[in-house]
Amino acid sequence: MTSFSIMYFMLGLASLFLLILTIMLLHPKWRKGLFQAYPETARRSKLAHLADGLELLIYPIIWLFKIIAAIFK
């Protein structure tokens, strides 16, 4: 295979993907399912808040270790 045939193949795949995406967005049944908001359960909400809290605690600790490692490097 030459580089041009690979390029045309990738262009064809991208075109096919865009065509399918456009059809899905135009068809009302698929559009409703794509953009439908799901209610957030209490368990999922608690896990999301826990993850945010852990992220808030862990990132400063990681940066502190990076700074210490850079000082002693």
C-alpha atoms as a PDB file:
ATOM      1  CA  MET A   1       0.000   0.000   0.000  1.00  0.00           C
ATOM      2  CA  THR A   2       1.239   3.423  -0.819  1.00  0.00           C
ATOM      3  CA  SER A   3       0.983   6.433   1.426  1.00  0.00           C
ATOM      4  CA  PHE A   4      -1.776   7.860  -0.780  1.00  0.00           C
ATOM      5  CA  SER A   5      -3.970   4.785  -0.377  1.00  0.00           C
ATOM      6  CA  ILE A   6      -3.521   4.905   3.398  1.00  0.00           C
ATOM      7  CA  MET A   7      -4.385   8.592   3.366  1.00  0.00           C
ATOM      8  CA  TYR A   8      -7.530   7.969   1.291  1.00  0.00           C
ATOM      9  CA  PHE A   9      -8.517   5.110   3.592  1.00  0.00           C
ATOM     10  CA  MET A  10      -8.200   7.336   6.686  1.00  0.00           C
ATOM     11  CA  LEU A  11     -10.105  10.120   4.924  1.00  0.00           C
ATOM     12  CA  GLY A  12     -12.864   7.643   4.093  1.00  0.00           C
ATOM     13  CA  LEU A  13     -13.075   6.477   7.703  1.00  0.00           C
ATOM     14  CA  ALA A  14     -13.263  10.063   8.944  1.00  0.00           C
ATOM     15  CA  SER A  15     -15.973  10.858   6.393  1.00  0.00           C
ATOM     16  CA  LEU A  16     -17.952   7.788   7.414  1.00  0.00           C
ATOM     17  CA  PHE A  17     -17.668   8.730  11.080  1.00  0.00           C
ATOM     18  CA  LEU A  18     -18.881  12.282  10.388  1.00  0.00           C
ATOM     19  CA  LEU A  19     -21.764  10.979   8.280  1.00  0.00           C
ATOM     20  CA  ILE A  20     -22.912   8.613  11.034  1.00  0.00           C
ATOM     21  CA  LEU A  21     -22.570  11.348  13.647  1.00  0.00           C
ATOM     22  CA  THR A  22     -24.592  13.772  11.526  1.00  0.00           C
ATOM     23  CA  ILE A  23     -27.360  11.221  10.977  1.00  0.00           C
ATOM     24  CA  MET A  24     -27.473  10.455  14.706  1.00  0.00           C
ATOM     25  CA  LEU A  25     -27.793  14.133  15.560  1.00  0.00           C
ATOM     26  CA  LEU A  26     -30.513  14.707  12.968  1.00  0.00           C
ATOM     27  CA  HIS A  27     -32.624  11.692  13.920  1.00  0.00           C
ATOM     28  CA  PRO A  28     -34.897  12.693  16.845  1.00  0.00           C
ATOM     29  CA  LYS A  29     -34.883   9.280  18.554  1.00  0.00           C
ATOM     30  CA  TRP A  30     -31.083   9.187  18.860  1.00  0.00           C
ATOM     31  CA  ARG A  31     -30.834  12.881  19.719  1.00  0.00           C
ATOM     32  CA  LYS A  32     -33.171  12.408  22.679  1.00  0.00           C
ATOM     33  CA  GLY A  33     -31.039   9.589  24.032  1.00  0.00           C
ATOM     34  CA  LEU A  34     -27.765  11.421  23.519  1.00  0.00           C
ATOM     35  CA  PHE A  35     -28.705  14.566  25.409  1.00  0.00           C
ATOM     36  CA  GLN A  36     -31.047  13.164  28.033  1.00  0.00           C
ATOM     37  CA  ALA A  37     -29.997  14.114  31.553  1.00  0.00           C
ATOM     38  CA  TYR A  38     -29.987  11.249  34.003  1.00  0.00           C
ATOM     39  CA  PRO A  39     -31.030  11.984  37.581  1.00  0.00           C
ATOM     40  CA  GLU A  40     -28.131  11.896  39.988  1.00  0.00           C
ATOM     41  CA  THR A  41     -28.597   9.342  42.736  1.00  0.00           C
ATOM     42  CA  ALA A  42     -27.571  10.045  46.308  1.00  0.00           C
ATOM     43  CA  ARG A  43     -24.825   7.410  46.167  1.00  0.00           C
ATOM     44  CA  ARG A  44     -23.346   8.831  42.965  1.00  0.00           C
ATOM     45  CA  SER A  45     -23.518  12.329  44.428  1.00  0.00           C
ATOM     46  CA  LYS A  46     -21.668  11.241  47.584  1.00  0.00           C
ATOM     47  CA  LEU A  47     -18.985   9.500  45.534  1.00  0.00           C
ATOM     48  CA  ALA A  48     -18.533  12.586  43.363  1.00  0.00           C
ATOM     49  CA  HIS A  49     -18.105  14.815  46.404  1.00  0.00           C
ATOM     50  CA  LEU A  50     -15.688  12.309  47.958  1.00  0.00           C
ATOM     51  CA  ALA A  51     -13.611  12.272  44.776  1.00  0.00           C
ATOM     52  CA  ASP A  52     -13.526  16.082  44.730  1.00  0.00           C
ATOM     53  CA  GLY A  53     -12.421  16.156  48.350  1.00  0.00           C
ATOM     54  CA  LEU A  54      -9.673  13.598  47.793  1.00  0.00           C
ATOM     55  CA  GLU A  55      -8.469  15.528  44.762  1.00  0.00           C
ATOM     56  CA  LEU A  56      -8.361  18.697  46.839  1.00  0.00           C
ATOM     57  CA  LEU A  57      -6.207  16.953  49.451  1.00  0.00           C
ATOM     58  CA  ILE A  58      -3.921  14.874  47.249  1.00  0.00           C
ATOM     59  CA  TYR A  59      -2.817  17.440  44.645  1.00  0.00           C
ATOM     60  CA  PRO A  60      -1.081  19.772  47.129  1.00  0.00           C
ATOM     61  CA  ILE A  61       0.683  16.780  48.691  1.00  0.00           C
ATOM     62  CA  ILE A  62       1.894  15.599  45.296  1.00  0.00           C
ATOM     63  CA  TRP A  63       3.177  19.084  44.419  1.00  0.00           C
ATOM     64  CA  LEU A  64       4.899  19.292  47.804  1.00  0.00           C
ATOM     65  CA  PHE A  65       6.741  16.024  47.076  1.00  0.00           C
ATOM     66  CA  LYS A  66       7.690  17.339  43.633  1.00  0.00           C
ATOM     67  CA  ILE A  67       9.104  20.531  45.136  1.00  0.00           C
ATOM     68  CA  ILE A  68      11.054  18.602  47.763  1.00  0.00           C
ATOM     69  CA  ALA A  69      12.397  16.225  45.097  1.00  0.00           C
ATOM     70  CA  ALA A  70      13.440  19.185  42.946  1.00  0.00           C
ATOM     71  CA  ILE A  71      15.266  20.788  45.868  1.00  0.00           C
ATOM     72  CA  PHE A  72      17.260  17.646  46.707  1.00  0.00           C
ATOM     73  CA  LYS A  73      17.918  16.710  43.097  1.00  0.00           C
END
